[in-house]
Structures are given as structure tokens and as C-alpha cells.
Amino acid sequence: IPRTVADRLRRGMDVNDTVEAFPEVTVMFSYLVGFMEISAKVPAVQLVTTINDFFTLFDTISLRHDVFKFETLGDAVYMVVGGAPERNPAHAQCVAALALELNREVERLKNPIDGAKLKVKIGMHSGPVVAGVISLKMPQYCMVGDTVNTASRMGTNSEPAKITLSESCNKLLDGGEFKTEYRGTLQVKGKGRMLTYWLLGTRSQRLASPPSLLRPRSWKDLQRGMSIEAGNMQEVEKEIHQKSPLQEITESKESLSPP
């Protein structure tokens, strides 16, 4: 749950009042290439380690960008959003910068089957969404709307080590610091044919990642890079437990605390 939203719940706000409409955000989906083969061929413990390394690296990188990590799924799907819950007119640029860095840095990780560099395929789309907290027992900040579905389609229809943009997302990036290229039209499930583009890079020289982005070995290593965020959430969690009339919300502790 984002800190700003958690603060409202801590002060006693009803979960229904956390729902907001966002006229325009940018959503990104990243899919780990070859995950089905990896899950079929490696032992369960090694599979979980691979997924954890993948998410931990991406979490570390995402802290450098003005985005909100919205969801991670067990099949190595990583979703972030720019422009919500904190509104930001440069949401597309923030997500594009993140996507380029994720696409580059994932090669730090190796395929447990053959030792080859891991790759992702990424998709981005910009449009309106509605977001808010759902449930009291296990509260979760959820985002719904066609924008989310379309961003997911951009990801699934992308290619390894490439980033696919929808037309609306490309319009927000075109003419700025990012270089894009027309890809062509794609037949997208539930949408029909859509104009799509490649995100190629930036017009300025890309900086190498600092040593701090090396894969953390543990939750504590990641938390050192998240000291401000982790501290905020611990404070919010504590005050929810002590003061909020929504006592059931304290059961969200597992989702806010390290494993």
C-alpha cells in the first residue's frame, strides 16, 4: 500500500474513500523470457531463488525512479505505474527510464538451466485508470481499467530484450529525451489492430549503473537501499495497529514486512 494511502487509512479513512480516478498514467509490464521452461526444469528451491533474485534486483532499481511497484506475480511478471498514486505529469518519462534500466540490468542474472543471461520483454501503455484499496482483512491497493489490460498486451506481444510502446505512450515520449521507432501494427487480443513502437534508448549517453545496483544478497541488503521507504512503512504499520479504528487492517502486516 502506498504511504500516502496508508496514511489516510491510519487516520481512519474508509477504504472506499481511497478510490481515485487518474486521467492519465503509464503502466509497464515486464515478463521474464523462458520462465515456463525454467519452472519445468529446475528444482523448486532453485526456482524460488531465481524469482527472488529477479524481483530483488528490479525492486532495487525501481527505487531510483519516480514510480510505484504495483504488483509482482509468481510467474515472474513485474508491474509498475507512473503517475499514481502520486500524480506526476512526467509519468511516461519516469517509466521509460526505468524500463531501459531494467532491460539492461537483468542481464546481471543467469538462467539456472544453461547459465545464459536472463532477458525480459517489456510493454508500456498510457491512459486512464481507477485505483484504491480493496478489502479490510487483507487490504491491497488495486488498479483497474483498460489501460492496465492494454499495457499487459504490450508486454506479452513484445520481444526478448525489447520494449514495446503503445501509440498513446509513444506520443508522450516523442520529441523528448527518448528515442523511439515505429514497430508496426499488432493484432492485440480484445483491442484489434494497434499501432506500436519500440523504445530504443535516450538521446544522451546512458550512464553505467553504480555498484549499489548490484544484486542484494538478502532482504536486509535491499532494505538498506530502502531505508526511507521501509522506515515510513514501519511507522505507518505501527500507528495503524495502535490507533486506527479499522483494527482488521493490522492483518496486512505480513504484506508490509520482510519475509
Protein backbone atom coordinates (compact mmCIF):
# COMPACT_ATOMS: atom_id res chain seq x y z
CA ILE A 1 0.00 0.00 0.00
CA PRO A 2 1.48 3.41 -0.94
CA ARG A 3 2.50 5.54 2.02
CA THR A 4 0.10 8.38 1.18
CA VAL A 5 -2.80 5.93 1.05
CA ALA A 6 -1.67 4.12 4.20
CA ASP A 7 -1.55 7.48 5.99
CA ARG A 8 -5.22 8.08 5.15
CA LEU A 9 -6.20 4.64 6.44
CA ARG A 10 -4.17 5.24 9.59
CA ARG A 11 -6.22 8.36 10.23
CA GLY A 12 -9.42 6.34 9.98
CA MET A 13 -10.44 6.90 6.36
CA ASP A 14 -12.86 4.34 4.95
CA VAL A 15 -11.30 2.13 2.27
CA ASN A 16 -13.99 3.24 -0.19
CA ASP A 17 -12.75 6.81 0.12
CA THR A 18 -9.28 5.81 -1.10
CA VAL A 19 -10.60 5.18 -4.61
CA GLU A 20 -9.36 7.77 -7.11
CA ALA A 21 -9.66 8.27 -10.86
CA PHE A 22 -6.42 9.13 -12.65
CA PRO A 23 -6.95 10.68 -16.11
CA GLU A 24 -3.55 9.52 -17.35
CA VAL A 25 -0.82 7.26 -16.03
CA THR A 26 1.77 4.99 -17.62
CA VAL A 27 1.74 1.29 -16.81
CA MET A 28 4.62 -1.08 -17.52
CA PHE A 29 4.64 -4.88 -17.54
CA SER A 30 7.83 -6.92 -17.64
CA TYR A 31 7.85 -10.64 -18.42
CA LEU A 32 10.80 -12.94 -17.80
CA VAL A 33 11.65 -14.73 -21.05
CA GLY A 34 11.78 -18.51 -20.79
CA PHE A 35 10.18 -18.68 -17.38
CA MET A 36 7.95 -21.64 -18.27
CA GLU A 37 10.97 -23.70 -19.32
CA ILE A 38 12.89 -22.71 -16.20
CA SER A 39 9.96 -23.63 -13.94
CA ALA A 40 9.67 -27.03 -15.64
CA LYS A 41 13.34 -27.96 -15.48
CA VAL A 42 14.84 -26.65 -12.25
CA PRO A 43 14.14 -27.79 -8.67
CA ALA A 44 11.54 -25.84 -6.72
CA VAL A 45 14.01 -24.25 -4.31
CA GLN A 46 16.26 -23.09 -7.14
CA LEU A 47 13.22 -21.74 -8.99
CA VAL A 48 12.17 -19.66 -5.98
CA THR A 49 15.74 -18.37 -5.62
CA THR A 50 15.78 -17.31 -9.27
CA ILE A 51 12.46 -15.49 -8.94
CA ASN A 52 13.60 -13.81 -5.73
CA ASP A 53 16.85 -12.65 -7.33
CA PHE A 54 14.85 -11.28 -10.27
CA PHE A 55 12.38 -9.34 -8.12
CA THR A 56 15.03 -8.13 -5.68
CA LEU A 57 17.16 -6.68 -8.47
CA PHE A 58 14.15 -4.98 -10.04
CA ASP A 59 12.98 -3.62 -6.67
CA THR A 60 16.42 -2.13 -6.06
CA ILE A 61 16.42 -0.42 -9.46
CA SER A 62 12.85 0.86 -9.18
CA LEU A 63 13.79 2.83 -6.06
CA ARG A 64 15.82 5.14 -8.31
CA HIS A 65 12.77 6.18 -10.31
CA ASP A 66 9.57 8.05 -9.52
CA VAL A 67 7.30 5.03 -9.97
CA PHE A 68 5.21 2.74 -7.80
CA LYS A 69 5.81 -1.00 -7.94
CA PHE A 70 2.29 -2.20 -8.20
CA GLU A 71 2.43 -5.94 -8.34
CA THR A 72 4.69 -8.96 -8.74
CA LEU A 73 3.37 -12.37 -9.65
CA GLY A 74 4.85 -15.79 -9.04
CA ASP A 75 5.36 -16.35 -12.76
CA ALA A 76 7.94 -13.53 -12.84
CA VAL A 77 5.63 -10.74 -14.00
CA TYR A 78 6.65 -7.29 -12.75
CA MET A 79 4.22 -4.34 -12.94
CA VAL A 80 4.89 -0.68 -12.16
CA VAL A 81 2.95 2.52 -12.69
CA GLY A 82 3.98 6.14 -13.08
CA GLY A 83 1.57 8.93 -12.17
CA ALA A 84 -0.31 7.10 -9.42
CA PRO A 85 -0.92 7.29 -6.55
CA GLU A 86 1.34 10.36 -6.71
CA ARG A 87 0.30 12.38 -9.75
CA ASN A 88 3.22 13.22 -11.99
CA PRO A 89 2.98 14.85 -15.43
CA ALA A 90 6.27 13.18 -16.42
CA HIS A 91 4.91 9.69 -15.70
CA ALA A 92 5.76 8.28 -19.15
CA GLN A 93 9.35 9.55 -18.95
CA CYS A 94 9.84 8.07 -15.48
CA VAL A 95 8.57 4.65 -16.54
CA ALA A 96 10.57 4.73 -19.78
CA ALA A 97 13.79 5.42 -17.87
CA LEU A 98 13.01 2.53 -15.55
CA ALA A 99 12.18 0.17 -18.43
CA LEU A 100 15.50 0.88 -20.15
CA GLU A 101 17.44 0.25 -16.95
CA LEU A 102 15.57 -2.96 -16.14
CA ASN A 103 16.11 -4.24 -19.67
CA ARG A 104 19.85 -3.65 -19.31
CA GLU A 105 20.43 -4.73 -15.73
CA VAL A 106 18.51 -8.02 -15.90
CA GLU A 107 21.50 -9.45 -17.78
CA ARG A 108 23.32 -9.50 -14.44
CA LEU A 109 21.24 -12.59 -13.69
CA LYS A 110 21.84 -16.02 -15.21
CA ASN A 111 19.47 -18.69 -16.46
CA PRO A 112 19.76 -21.58 -13.96
CA ILE A 113 19.44 -24.10 -16.82
CA ASP A 114 22.34 -23.09 -19.07
CA GLY A 115 23.95 -20.06 -17.45
CA ALA A 116 22.88 -17.71 -20.24
CA LYS A 117 21.95 -14.12 -19.45
CA LEU A 118 18.31 -13.67 -18.49
CA LYS A 119 16.16 -11.44 -20.68
CA VAL A 120 12.82 -9.74 -20.29
CA LYS A 121 10.24 -8.42 -22.70
CA ILE A 122 8.58 -5.19 -21.66
CA GLY A 123 5.44 -3.32 -22.68
CA MET A 124 4.15 0.18 -21.81
CA HIS A 125 0.84 1.95 -22.30
CA SER A 126 -0.55 5.30 -21.13
CA GLY A 127 -4.17 6.07 -20.31
CA PRO A 128 -6.77 6.48 -17.54
CA VAL A 129 -7.18 4.16 -14.54
CA VAL A 130 -9.04 3.89 -11.26
CA ALA A 131 -7.12 2.84 -8.15
CA GLY A 132 -7.85 2.29 -4.47
CA VAL A 133 -7.70 -0.07 -1.51
CA ILE A 134 -9.84 -3.18 -1.60
CA SER A 135 -10.76 -5.26 1.48
CA LEU A 136 -10.24 -4.73 5.20
CA LYS A 137 -8.96 -8.16 6.20
CA MET A 138 -6.05 -8.17 3.75
CA PRO A 139 -6.05 -4.68 2.25
CA GLN A 140 -4.48 -4.31 -1.17
CA TYR A 141 -4.02 -1.27 -3.37
CA CYS A 142 -5.50 -2.26 -6.73
CA MET A 143 -5.63 -0.62 -10.13
CA VAL A 144 -8.27 -1.35 -12.74
CA GLY A 145 -9.09 -0.17 -16.22
CA ASP A 146 -8.46 -0.90 -19.87
CA THR A 147 -5.08 0.83 -19.57
CA VAL A 148 -3.80 -1.98 -17.35
CA ASN A 149 -5.02 -4.65 -19.77
CA THR A 150 -3.51 -2.87 -22.77
CA ALA A 151 -0.14 -2.45 -21.04
CA SER A 152 -0.16 -6.17 -20.32
CA ARG A 153 -0.84 -6.89 -24.00
CA MET A 154 2.06 -4.65 -25.00
CA GLY A 155 4.29 -6.76 -22.76
CA THR A 156 3.13 -10.15 -23.98
CA ASN A 157 3.44 -9.01 -27.60
CA SER A 158 6.93 -7.57 -27.12
CA GLU A 159 10.17 -9.42 -27.90
CA PRO A 160 13.12 -10.53 -25.75
CA ALA A 161 15.31 -7.61 -24.64
CA LYS A 162 12.94 -5.11 -26.27
CA ILE A 163 10.39 -2.57 -25.05
CA THR A 164 7.10 -2.10 -26.89
CA LEU A 165 5.14 1.15 -26.63
CA SER A 166 1.51 1.82 -27.48
CA GLU A 167 0.69 4.82 -29.64
CA SER A 168 -0.51 6.87 -26.66
CA CYS A 169 2.69 6.20 -24.74
CA ASN A 170 4.86 7.00 -27.74
CA LYS A 171 3.12 10.37 -28.17
CA LEU A 172 4.15 11.32 -24.63
CA LEU A 173 7.77 10.39 -25.30
CA ASP A 174 8.10 11.58 -28.90
CA GLY A 175 10.33 14.58 -29.40
CA GLY A 176 11.85 14.39 -25.94
CA GLU A 177 14.94 12.76 -24.49
CA PHE A 178 13.89 9.25 -25.50
CA LYS A 179 14.43 7.64 -28.89
CA THR A 180 11.57 5.57 -30.29
CA GLU A 181 10.97 3.80 -33.60
CA TYR A 182 7.81 2.71 -35.35
CA ARG A 183 7.36 -1.04 -34.98
CA GLY A 184 4.17 -1.58 -36.96
CA THR A 185 0.63 -2.68 -36.25
CA LEU A 186 -0.09 -5.60 -33.96
CA GLN A 187 -3.24 -7.65 -33.62
CA VAL A 188 -3.92 -7.27 -29.90
CA LYS A 189 -6.39 -9.53 -28.16
CA GLY A 190 -9.50 -7.63 -27.20
CA LYS A 191 -8.29 -4.46 -28.92
CA GLY A 192 -7.90 -5.26 -32.61
CA ARG A 193 -5.00 -3.80 -34.59
CA MET A 194 -2.91 -1.21 -32.74
CA LEU A 195 0.00 1.00 -33.75
CA THR A 196 3.10 0.12 -31.75
CA TYR A 197 6.62 1.47 -31.33
CA TRP A 198 9.99 0.40 -29.94
CA LEU A 199 11.67 2.27 -27.10
CA LEU A 200 15.32 2.35 -28.21
CA GLY A 201 17.09 4.45 -25.61
CA THR A 202 17.89 8.01 -24.69
CA ARG A 203 19.40 10.77 -26.80
CA SER A 204 22.04 11.46 -24.14
CA GLN A 205 24.78 8.99 -23.29
CA ARG A 206 23.49 6.29 -21.00
CA LEU A 207 25.23 6.16 -17.65
CA ALA A 208 26.51 2.91 -16.23
CA SER A 209 24.77 1.61 -13.13
CA PRO A 210 26.59 2.33 -9.87
CA PRO A 211 27.84 -0.53 -7.68
CA SER A 212 24.83 -0.02 -5.38
CA LEU A 213 22.67 -1.68 -8.01
CA LEU A 214 24.45 -4.99 -7.72
CA ARG A 215 22.00 -7.68 -6.72
CA PRO A 216 21.40 -7.64 -2.93
CA ARG A 217 22.03 -10.95 -1.23
CA SER A 218 19.22 -10.65 1.27
CA TRP A 219 16.19 -8.65 2.37
CA LYS A 220 18.46 -6.70 4.76
CA ASP A 221 20.68 -5.65 1.87
CA LEU A 222 17.64 -4.44 -0.08
CA GLN A 223 16.25 -2.71 2.99
CA ARG A 224 19.44 -0.67 3.33
CA GLY A 225 18.64 0.82 -0.05
CA MET A 226 15.04 1.29 1.03
CA SER A 227 15.81 2.82 4.43
CA ILE A 228 13.49 5.79 3.98
CA GLU A 229 10.66 3.76 2.47
CA ALA A 230 10.99 0.93 4.95
CA GLY A 231 11.08 3.35 7.86
CA ASN A 232 7.96 5.08 6.64
CA MET A 233 6.06 1.82 6.31
CA GLN A 234 7.12 0.60 9.74
CA GLU A 235 5.86 3.86 11.24
CA VAL A 236 2.57 3.60 9.37
CA GLU A 237 2.14 -0.04 10.32
CA LYS A 238 2.76 0.73 13.99
CA GLU A 239 0.26 3.58 14.09
CA ILE A 240 -2.36 1.55 12.24
CA HIS A 241 -2.01 -1.12 14.91
CA GLN A 242 -2.27 1.34 17.79
CA LYS A 243 -4.75 4.00 16.64
CA SER A 244 -6.86 3.02 13.65
CA PRO A 245 -10.50 2.08 14.27
CA LEU A 246 -10.11 -0.33 11.38
CA GLN A 247 -8.45 -2.94 13.53
CA GLU A 248 -8.69 -5.68 10.95
CA ILE A 249 -6.31 -3.76 8.75
CA THR A 250 -3.45 -4.77 11.02
CA GLU A 251 -3.62 -8.17 9.38
CA SER A 252 -1.85 -6.59 6.42
CA LYS A 253 1.35 -6.80 8.47
CA GLU A 254 2.67 -9.74 6.50
CA SER A 255 2.39 -7.82 3.25
CA LEU A 256 4.32 -4.85 4.67
CA SER A 257 7.07 -6.74 6.45
CA PRO A 258 10.08 -8.64 5.04
CA PRO A 259 9.72 -12.42 4.87
